[in-house]
């Protein structure tokens, strides 16, 4: 199936906020798991990917992986939470 969102647009928004002087995590709500995977791939291929800590929250993921959203990111990284609605 074709993703319902445009990963390159989500990437542009994440890069904008990541490059700003604002602190904190970036929370991205997505309509489904396929969209989450597509956005994750776009973020991992971005030039700023080394300074992003991408975590996912979706009912199909193990609870241990979902709990990572509550952890602080590694020093020097910004947490990006990809979550389904």
PDB file of N, CA and C in Angstrom:
ATOM      1  N   UNK A   1       0.842  -1.200   0.000  1.00  0.00           N
ATOM      2  CA  UNK A   1       0.000   0.000   0.000  1.00  0.00           C
ATOM      3  C   UNK A   1       0.878   1.251   0.000  1.00  0.00           C
ATOM      4  N   UNK A   2       0.343   2.273  -0.545  1.00  0.00           N
ATOM      5  CA  UNK A   2       1.054   3.551  -0.639  1.00  0.00           C
ATOM      6  C   UNK A   2       0.917   4.293   0.688  1.00  0.00           C
ATOM      7  N   UNK A   3       2.004   4.867   1.221  1.00  0.00           N
ATOM      8  CA  UNK A   3       1.893   5.638   2.460  1.00  0.00           C
ATOM      9  C   UNK A   3       0.901   6.785   2.304  1.00  0.00           C
ATOM     10  N   UNK A   4       0.229   7.128   3.405  1.00  0.00           N
ATOM     11  CA  UNK A   4      -0.760   8.198   3.400  1.00  0.00           C
ATOM     12  C   UNK A   4      -0.127   9.568   3.621  1.00  0.00           C
ATOM     13  N   UNK A   5       1.113   9.587   4.012  1.00  0.00           N
ATOM     14  CA  UNK A   5       1.821  10.847   4.249  1.00  0.00           C
ATOM     15  C   UNK A   5       3.024  10.918   3.314  1.00  0.00           C
ATOM     16  N   UNK A   6       3.559  12.096   3.170  1.00  0.00           N
ATOM     17  CA  UNK A   6       4.757  12.287   2.357  1.00  0.00           C
ATOM     18  C   UNK A   6       5.956  12.376   3.311  1.00  0.00           C
ATOM     19  N   UNK A   7       6.758  11.313   3.398  1.00  0.00           N
ATOM     20  CA  UNK A   7       7.878  11.298   4.333  1.00  0.00           C
ATOM     21  C   UNK A   7       8.820  12.484   4.170  1.00  0.00           C
ATOM     22  N   UNK A   8       9.022  12.959   2.928  1.00  0.00           N
ATOM     23  CA  UNK A   8       9.934  14.078   2.713  1.00  0.00           C
ATOM     24  C   UNK A   8       9.406  15.363   3.348  1.00  0.00           C
ATOM     25  N   UNK A   9       8.084  15.506   3.444  1.00  0.00           N
ATOM     26  CA  UNK A   9       7.517  16.687   4.101  1.00  0.00           C
ATOM     27  C   UNK A   9       7.677  16.599   5.619  1.00  0.00           C
ATOM     28  N   UNK A  10       7.467  15.400   6.167  1.00  0.00           N
ATOM     29  CA  UNK A  10       7.677  15.200   7.608  1.00  0.00           C
ATOM     30  C   UNK A  10       9.149  15.455   7.929  1.00  0.00           C
ATOM     31  N   UNK A  11      10.041  14.965   7.090  1.00  0.00           N
ATOM     32  CA  UNK A  11      11.467  15.188   7.270  1.00  0.00           C
ATOM     33  C   UNK A  11      11.784  16.686   7.298  1.00  0.00           C
ATOM     34  N   UNK A  12      11.190  17.444   6.386  1.00  0.00           N
ATOM     35  CA  UNK A  12      11.439  18.889   6.333  1.00  0.00           C
ATOM     36  C   UNK A  12      11.000  19.572   7.621  1.00  0.00           C
ATOM     37  N   UNK A  13       9.862  19.161   8.173  1.00  0.00           N
ATOM     38  CA  UNK A  13       9.378  19.757   9.427  1.00  0.00           C
ATOM     39  C   UNK A  13      10.302  19.381  10.590  1.00  0.00           C
ATOM     40  N   UNK A  14      10.699  18.105  10.654  1.00  0.00           N
ATOM     41  CA  UNK A  14      11.610  17.664  11.719  1.00  0.00           C
ATOM     42  C   UNK A  14      12.939  18.418  11.607  1.00  0.00           C
ATOM     43  N   UNK A  15      13.482  18.543  10.415  1.00  0.00           N
ATOM     44  CA  UNK A  15      14.743  19.271  10.235  1.00  0.00           C
ATOM     45  C   UNK A  15      14.603  20.732  10.659  1.00  0.00           C
ATOM     46  N   UNK A  16      13.451  21.344  10.364  1.00  0.00           N
ATOM     47  CA  UNK A  16      13.233  22.731  10.762  1.00  0.00           C
ATOM     48  C   UNK A  16      13.297  22.879  12.279  1.00  0.00           C
ATOM     49  N   UNK A  17      12.537  22.051  12.992  1.00  0.00           N
ATOM     50  CA  UNK A  17      12.530  22.157  14.454  1.00  0.00           C
ATOM     51  C   UNK A  17      13.853  21.714  15.060  1.00  0.00           C
ATOM     52  N   UNK A  18      14.473  20.712  14.472  1.00  0.00           N
ATOM     53  CA  UNK A  18      15.767  20.246  14.984  1.00  0.00           C
ATOM     54  C   UNK A  18      16.839  21.331  14.832  1.00  0.00           C
ATOM     55  N   UNK A  19      16.753  22.105  13.763  1.00  0.00           N
ATOM     56  CA  UNK A  19      17.715  23.173  13.528  1.00  0.00           C
ATOM     57  C   UNK A  19      17.411  24.454  14.281  1.00  0.00           C
ATOM     58  N   UNK A  20      16.271  24.502  14.944  1.00  0.00           N
ATOM     59  CA  UNK A  20      15.898  25.710  15.684  1.00  0.00           C
ATOM     60  C   UNK A  20      16.573  25.723  17.052  1.00  0.00           C
ATOM     61  N   UNK A  21      16.393  26.803  17.752  1.00  0.00           N
ATOM     62  CA  UNK A  21      16.987  26.926  19.089  1.00  0.00           C
ATOM     63  C   UNK A  21      16.085  26.326  20.163  1.00  0.00           C
ATOM     64  N   UNK A  22      14.946  25.760  19.773  1.00  0.00           N
ATOM     65  CA  UNK A  22      14.019  25.174  20.744  1.00  0.00           C
ATOM     66  C   UNK A  22      14.549  23.851  21.268  1.00  0.00           C
ATOM     67  N   UNK A  23      14.355  23.635  22.554  1.00  0.00           N
ATOM     68  CA  UNK A  23      14.749  22.385  23.187  1.00  0.00           C
ATOM     69  C   UNK A  23      13.587  21.401  23.155  1.00  0.00           C
ATOM     70  N   UNK A  24      13.875  20.169  23.451  1.00  0.00           N
ATOM     71  CA  UNK A  24      12.832  19.173  23.629  1.00  0.00           C
ATOM     72  C   UNK A  24      12.718  18.192  22.479  1.00  0.00           C
ATOM     73  N   UNK A  25      11.843  17.241  22.712  1.00  0.00           N
ATOM     74  CA  UNK A  25      11.609  16.179  21.741  1.00  0.00           C
ATOM     75  C   UNK A  25      10.656  16.656  20.650  1.00  0.00           C
ATOM     76  N   UNK A  26      10.627  15.901  19.577  1.00  0.00           N
ATOM     77  CA  UNK A  26       9.706  16.159  18.472  1.00  0.00           C
ATOM     78  C   UNK A  26       8.784  14.953  18.390  1.00  0.00           C
ATOM     79  N   UNK A  27       7.474  15.209  18.475  1.00  0.00           N
ATOM     80  CA  UNK A  27       6.479  14.147  18.430  1.00  0.00           C
ATOM     81  C   UNK A  27       5.762  14.201  17.092  1.00  0.00           C
ATOM     82  N   UNK A  28       5.768  13.076  16.380  1.00  0.00           N
ATOM     83  CA  UNK A  28       5.146  12.995  15.064  1.00  0.00           C
ATOM     84  C   UNK A  28       4.047  11.936  15.113  1.00  0.00           C
ATOM     85  N   UNK A  29       2.794  12.360  14.917  1.00  0.00           N
ATOM     86  CA  UNK A  29       1.684  11.415  14.844  1.00  0.00           C
ATOM     87  C   UNK A  29       1.466  11.020  13.394  1.00  0.00           C
ATOM     88  N   UNK A  30       1.321   9.734  13.169  1.00  0.00           N
ATOM     89  CA  UNK A  30       1.153   9.192  11.821  1.00  0.00           C
ATOM     90  C   UNK A  30      -0.053   8.258  11.795  1.00  0.00           C
ATOM     91  N   UNK A  31      -0.703   8.120  10.613  1.00  0.00           N
ATOM     92  CA  UNK A  31      -1.926   7.320  10.551  1.00  0.00           C
ATOM     93  C   UNK A  31      -1.722   5.802  10.643  1.00  0.00           C
ATOM     94  N   UNK A  32      -0.536   5.296  10.367  1.00  0.00           N
ATOM     95  CA  UNK A  32      -0.358   3.845  10.423  1.00  0.00           C
ATOM     96  C   UNK A  32       1.088   3.417  10.446  1.00  0.00           C
ATOM     97  N   UNK A  33       1.281   2.107  10.615  1.00  0.00           N
ATOM     98  CA  UNK A  33       2.623   1.543  10.742  1.00  0.00           C
ATOM     99  C   UNK A  33       3.453   1.724   9.476  1.00  0.00           C
ATOM    100  N   UNK A  34       2.827   1.593   8.302  1.00  0.00           N
ATOM    101  CA  UNK A  34       3.591   1.768   7.063  1.00  0.00           C
ATOM    102  C   UNK A  34       4.112   3.193   6.930  1.00  0.00           C
ATOM    103  N   UNK A  35       3.286   4.151   7.326  1.00  0.00           N
ATOM    104  CA  UNK A  35       3.725   5.543   7.291  1.00  0.00           C
ATOM    105  C   UNK A  35       4.885   5.758   8.267  1.00  0.00           C
ATOM    106  N   UNK A  36       4.788   5.110   9.427  1.00  0.00           N
ATOM    107  CA  UNK A  36       5.847   5.225  10.427  1.00  0.00           C
ATOM    108  C   UNK A  36       7.170   4.696   9.874  1.00  0.00           C
ATOM    109  N   UNK A  37       7.112   3.569   9.192  1.00  0.00           N
ATOM    110  CA  UNK A  37       8.325   2.982   8.624  1.00  0.00           C
ATOM    111  C   UNK A  37       8.906   3.880   7.533  1.00  0.00           C
ATOM    112  N   UNK A  38       8.039   4.456   6.707  1.00  0.00           N
ATOM    113  CA  UNK A  38       8.503   5.331   5.625  1.00  0.00           C
ATOM    114  C   UNK A  38       9.152   6.592   6.181  1.00  0.00           C
ATOM    115  N   UNK A  39       8.558   7.170   7.215  1.00  0.00           N
ATOM    116  CA  UNK A  39       9.127   8.377   7.832  1.00  0.00           C
ATOM    117  C   UNK A  39      10.432   8.031   8.534  1.00  0.00           C
ATOM    118  N   UNK A  40      10.473   6.893   9.216  1.00  0.00           N
ATOM    119  CA  UNK A  40      11.715   6.470   9.879  1.00  0.00           C
ATOM    120  C   UNK A  40      12.841   6.334   8.855  1.00  0.00           C
ATOM    121  N   UNK A  41      12.562   5.729   7.718  1.00  0.00           N
ATOM    122  CA  UNK A  41      13.582   5.571   6.676  1.00  0.00           C
ATOM    123  C   UNK A  41      14.049   6.934   6.165  1.00  0.00           C
ATOM    124  N   UNK A  42      13.123   7.870   5.987  1.00  0.00           N
ATOM    125  CA  UNK A  42      13.499   9.216   5.532  1.00  0.00           C
ATOM    126  C   UNK A  42      14.380   9.905   6.563  1.00  0.00           C
ATOM    127  N   UNK A  43      14.030   9.779   7.838  1.00  0.00           N
ATOM    128  CA  UNK A  43      14.824  10.413   8.901  1.00  0.00           C
ATOM    129  C   UNK A  43      16.212   9.789   9.000  1.00  0.00           C
ATOM    130  N   UNK A  44      16.282   8.469   8.863  1.00  0.00           N
ATOM    131  CA  UNK A  44      17.574   7.788   8.957  1.00  0.00           C
ATOM    132  C   UNK A  44      18.486   8.153   7.791  1.00  0.00           C
ATOM    133  N   UNK A  45      17.924   8.566   6.670  1.00  0.00           N
ATOM    134  CA  UNK A  45      18.715   8.969   5.519  1.00  0.00           C
ATOM    135  C   UNK A  45      19.037  10.450   5.482  1.00  0.00           C
ATOM    136  N   UNK A  46      18.557  11.190   6.463  1.00  0.00           N
ATOM    137  CA  UNK A  46      18.764  12.643   6.485  1.00  0.00           C
ATOM    138  C   UNK A  46      20.178  13.001   6.936  1.00  0.00           C
ATOM    139  N   UNK A  47      20.620  14.169   6.516  1.00  0.00           N
ATOM    140  CA  UNK A  47      21.978  14.610   6.899  1.00  0.00           C
ATOM    141  C   UNK A  47      22.095  14.840   8.410  1.00  0.00           C
ATOM    142  N   UNK A  48      20.977  15.076   9.091  1.00  0.00           N
ATOM    143  CA  UNK A  48      21.017  15.309  10.539  1.00  0.00           C
ATOM    144  C   UNK A  48      20.765  14.027  11.329  1.00  0.00           C
ATOM    145  N   UNK A  49      20.702  12.883  10.664  1.00  0.00           N
ATOM    146  CA  UNK A  49      20.303  11.642  11.324  1.00  0.00           C
ATOM    147  C   UNK A  49      21.209  11.243  12.491  1.00  0.00           C
ATOM    148  N   UNK A  50      22.475  11.600  12.436  1.00  0.00           N
ATOM    149  CA  UNK A  50      23.399  11.221  13.511  1.00  0.00           C
ATOM    150  C   UNK A  50      23.034  11.881  14.833  1.00  0.00           C
ATOM    151  N   UNK A  51      22.328  13.008  14.783  1.00  0.00           N
ATOM    152  CA  UNK A  51      21.961  13.711  16.013  1.00  0.00           C
ATOM    153  C   UNK A  51      20.483  13.513  16.372  1.00  0.00           C
ATOM    154  N   UNK A  52      19.824  12.563  15.724  1.00  0.00           N
ATOM    155  CA  UNK A  52      18.436  12.236  16.056  1.00  0.00           C
ATOM    156  C   UNK A  52      18.382  10.873  16.731  1.00  0.00           C
ATOM    157  N   UNK A  53      17.560  10.768  17.752  1.00  0.00           N
ATOM    158  CA  UNK A  53      17.298   9.483  18.404  1.00  0.00           C
ATOM    159  C   UNK A  53      15.840   9.163  18.109  1.00  0.00           C
ATOM    160  N   UNK A  54      15.608   8.244  17.189  1.00  0.00           N
ATOM    161  CA  UNK A  54      14.260   7.939  16.718  1.00  0.00           C
ATOM    162  C   UNK A  54      13.706   6.764  17.514  1.00  0.00           C
ATOM    163  N   UNK A  55      12.545   6.992  18.145  1.00  0.00           N
ATOM    164  CA  UNK A  55      11.855   5.926  18.878  1.00  0.00           C
ATOM    165  C   UNK A  55      10.427   5.849  18.342  1.00  0.00           C
ATOM    166  N   UNK A  56       9.844   4.652  18.426  1.00  0.00           N
ATOM    167  CA  UNK A  56       8.518   4.432  17.862  1.00  0.00           C
ATOM    168  C   UNK A  56       7.541   3.940  18.918  1.00  0.00           C
ATOM    169  N   UNK A  57       6.287   4.320  18.720  1.00  0.00           N
ATOM    170  CA  UNK A  57       5.214   3.861  19.603  1.00  0.00           C
ATOM    171  C   UNK A  57       4.053   3.407  18.727  1.00  0.00           C
ATOM    172  N   UNK A  58       3.821   2.097  18.733  1.00  0.00           N
ATOM    173  CA  UNK A  58       2.763   1.499  17.926  1.00  0.00           C
ATOM    174  C   UNK A  58       2.353   0.205  18.606  1.00  0.00           C
ATOM    175  N   UNK A  59       1.078  -0.097  18.600  1.00  0.00           N
ATOM    176  CA  UNK A  59       0.580  -1.283  19.309  1.00  0.00           C
ATOM    177  C   UNK A  59       1.194  -2.584  18.816  1.00  0.00           C
ATOM    178  N   UNK A  60       1.722  -2.603  17.595  1.00  0.00           N
ATOM    179  CA  UNK A  60       2.318  -3.814  17.049  1.00  0.00           C
ATOM    180  C   UNK A  60       3.764  -4.037  17.475  1.00  0.00           C
ATOM    181  N   UNK A  61       4.332  -3.088  18.197  1.00  0.00           N
ATOM    182  CA  UNK A  61       5.724  -3.204  18.646  1.00  0.00           C
ATOM    183  C   UNK A  61       5.779  -3.803  20.044  1.00  0.00           C
ATOM    184  N   UNK A  62       6.857  -4.491  20.389  1.00  0.00           N
ATOM    185  CA  UNK A  62       6.999  -5.010  21.756  1.00  0.00           C
ATOM    186  C   UNK A  62       6.943  -3.865  22.762  1.00  0.00           C
ATOM    187  N   UNK A  63       6.324  -4.118  23.913  1.00  0.00           N
ATOM    188  CA  UNK A  63       6.172  -3.060  24.926  1.00  0.00           C
ATOM    189  C   UNK A  63       7.522  -2.512  25.378  1.00  0.00           C
ATOM    190  N   UNK A  64       8.548  -3.362  25.397  1.00  0.00           N
ATOM    191  CA  UNK A  64       9.880  -2.906  25.783  1.00  0.00           C
ATOM    192  C   UNK A  64      10.378  -1.819  24.828  1.00  0.00           C
ATOM    193  N   UNK A  65      10.133  -1.989  23.538  1.00  0.00           N
ATOM    194  CA  UNK A  65      10.538  -0.991  22.554  1.00  0.00           C
ATOM    195  C   UNK A  65       9.692   0.278  22.688  1.00  0.00           C
ATOM    196  N   UNK A  66       8.403   0.121  22.964  1.00  0.00           N
ATOM    197  CA  UNK A  66       7.523   1.279  23.120  1.00  0.00           C
ATOM    198  C   UNK A  66       7.912   2.119  24.336  1.00  0.00           C
ATOM    199  N   UNK A  67       8.387   1.471  25.393  1.00  0.00           N
ATOM    200  CA  UNK A  67       8.757   2.196  26.626  1.00  0.00           C
ATOM    201  C   UNK A  67       9.933   3.141  26.431  1.00  0.00           C
ATOM    202  N   UNK A  68      10.683   2.969  25.349  1.00  0.00           N
ATOM    203  CA  UNK A  68      11.807   3.861  25.079  1.00  0.00           C
ATOM    204  C   UNK A  68      11.367   5.311  24.921  1.00  0.00           C
ATOM    205  N   UNK A  69      10.097   5.533  24.573  1.00  0.00           N
ATOM    206  CA  UNK A  69       9.626   6.912  24.399  1.00  0.00           C
ATOM    207  C   UNK A  69       9.728   7.703  25.694  1.00  0.00           C
ATOM    208  N   UNK A  70       9.787   7.031  26.833  1.00  0.00           N
ATOM    209  CA  UNK A  70       9.874   7.714  28.125  1.00  0.00           C
ATOM    210  C   UNK A  70      11.309   7.984  28.568  1.00  0.00           C
ATOM    211  N   UNK A  71      12.283   7.447  27.855  1.00  0.00           N
ATOM    212  CA  UNK A  71      13.691   7.637  28.199  1.00  0.00           C
ATOM    213  C   UNK A  71      14.225   8.937  27.612  1.00  0.00           C
ATOM    214  N   UNK A  72      15.257   9.449  28.244  1.00  0.00           N
ATOM    215  CA  UNK A  72      15.950  10.623  27.710  1.00  0.00           C
ATOM    216  C   UNK A  72      16.858  10.182  26.571  1.00  0.00           C
ATOM    217  N   UNK A  73      17.037  11.044  25.584  1.00  0.00           N
ATOM    218  CA  UNK A  73      17.917  10.678  24.468  1.00  0.00           C
ATOM    219  C   UNK A  73      19.381  10.705  24.888  1.00  0.00           C
ATOM    220  N   UNK A  74      20.236  10.056  24.138  1.00  0.00           N
ATOM    221  CA  UNK A  74      21.669  10.146  24.422  1.00  0.00           C
ATOM    222  C   UNK A  74      22.126  11.612  24.339  1.00  0.00           C
ATOM    223  N   UNK A  75      23.169  11.926  25.067  1.00  0.00           N
ATOM    224  CA  UNK A  75      23.691  13.300  25.072  1.00  0.00           C
ATOM    225  C   UNK A  75      24.013  13.736  23.640  1.00  0.00           C
ATOM    226  N   UNK A  76      23.583  14.942  23.306  1.00  0.00           N
ATOM    227  CA  UNK A  76      23.840  15.487  21.984  1.00  0.00           C
ATOM    228  C   UNK A  76      22.832  15.088  20.925  1.00  0.00           C
ATOM    229  N   UNK A  77      21.795  14.332  21.345  1.00  0.00           N
ATOM    230  CA  UNK A  77      20.766  13.892  20.401  1.00  0.00           C
ATOM    231  C   UNK A  77      19.415  14.496  20.756  1.00  0.00           C
ATOM    232  N   UNK A  78      18.586  14.635  19.743  1.00  0.00           N
ATOM    233  CA  UNK A  78      17.204  15.064  19.968  1.00  0.00           C
ATOM    234  C   UNK A  78      16.312  13.851  19.725  1.00  0.00           C
ATOM    235  N   UNK A  79      15.402  13.634  20.676  1.00  0.00           N
ATOM    236  CA  UNK A  79      14.478  12.506  20.551  1.00  0.00           C
ATOM    237  C   UNK A  79      13.370  12.869  19.569  1.00  0.00           C
ATOM    238  N   UNK A  80      13.102  11.951  18.637  1.00  0.00           N
ATOM    239  CA  UNK A  80      11.989  12.070  17.705  1.00  0.00           C
ATOM    240  C   UNK A  80      11.105  10.849  17.941  1.00  0.00           C
ATOM    241  N   UNK A  81       9.883  11.094  18.398  1.00  0.00           N
ATOM    242  CA  UNK A  81       8.941  10.012  18.659  1.00  0.00           C
ATOM    243  C   UNK A  81       7.990   9.899  17.485  1.00  0.00           C
ATOM    244  N   UNK A  82       7.988   8.732  16.862  1.00  0.00           N
ATOM    245  CA  UNK A  82       7.050   8.439  15.782  1.00  0.00           C
ATOM    246  C   UNK A  82       5.951   7.578  16.382  1.00  0.00           C
ATOM    247  N   UNK A  83       4.722   8.069  16.325  1.00  0.00           N
ATOM    248  CA  UNK A  83       3.608   7.376  16.945  1.00  0.00           C
ATOM    249  C   UNK A  83       2.418   7.321  16.008  1.00  0.00           C
ATOM    250  N   UNK A  84       1.647   6.250  16.140  1.00  0.00           N
ATOM    251  CA  UNK A  84       0.410   6.181  15.367  1.00  0.00           C
ATOM    252  C   UNK A  84      -0.712   6.792  16.191  1.00  0.00           C
ATOM    253  N   UNK A  85      -1.721   7.279  15.483  1.00  0.00           N
ATOM    254  CA  UNK A  85      -2.869   7.922  16.148  1.00  0.00           C
ATOM    255  C   UNK A  85      -3.625   6.938  16.997  1.00  0.00           C
TER     256      UNK A  85
END
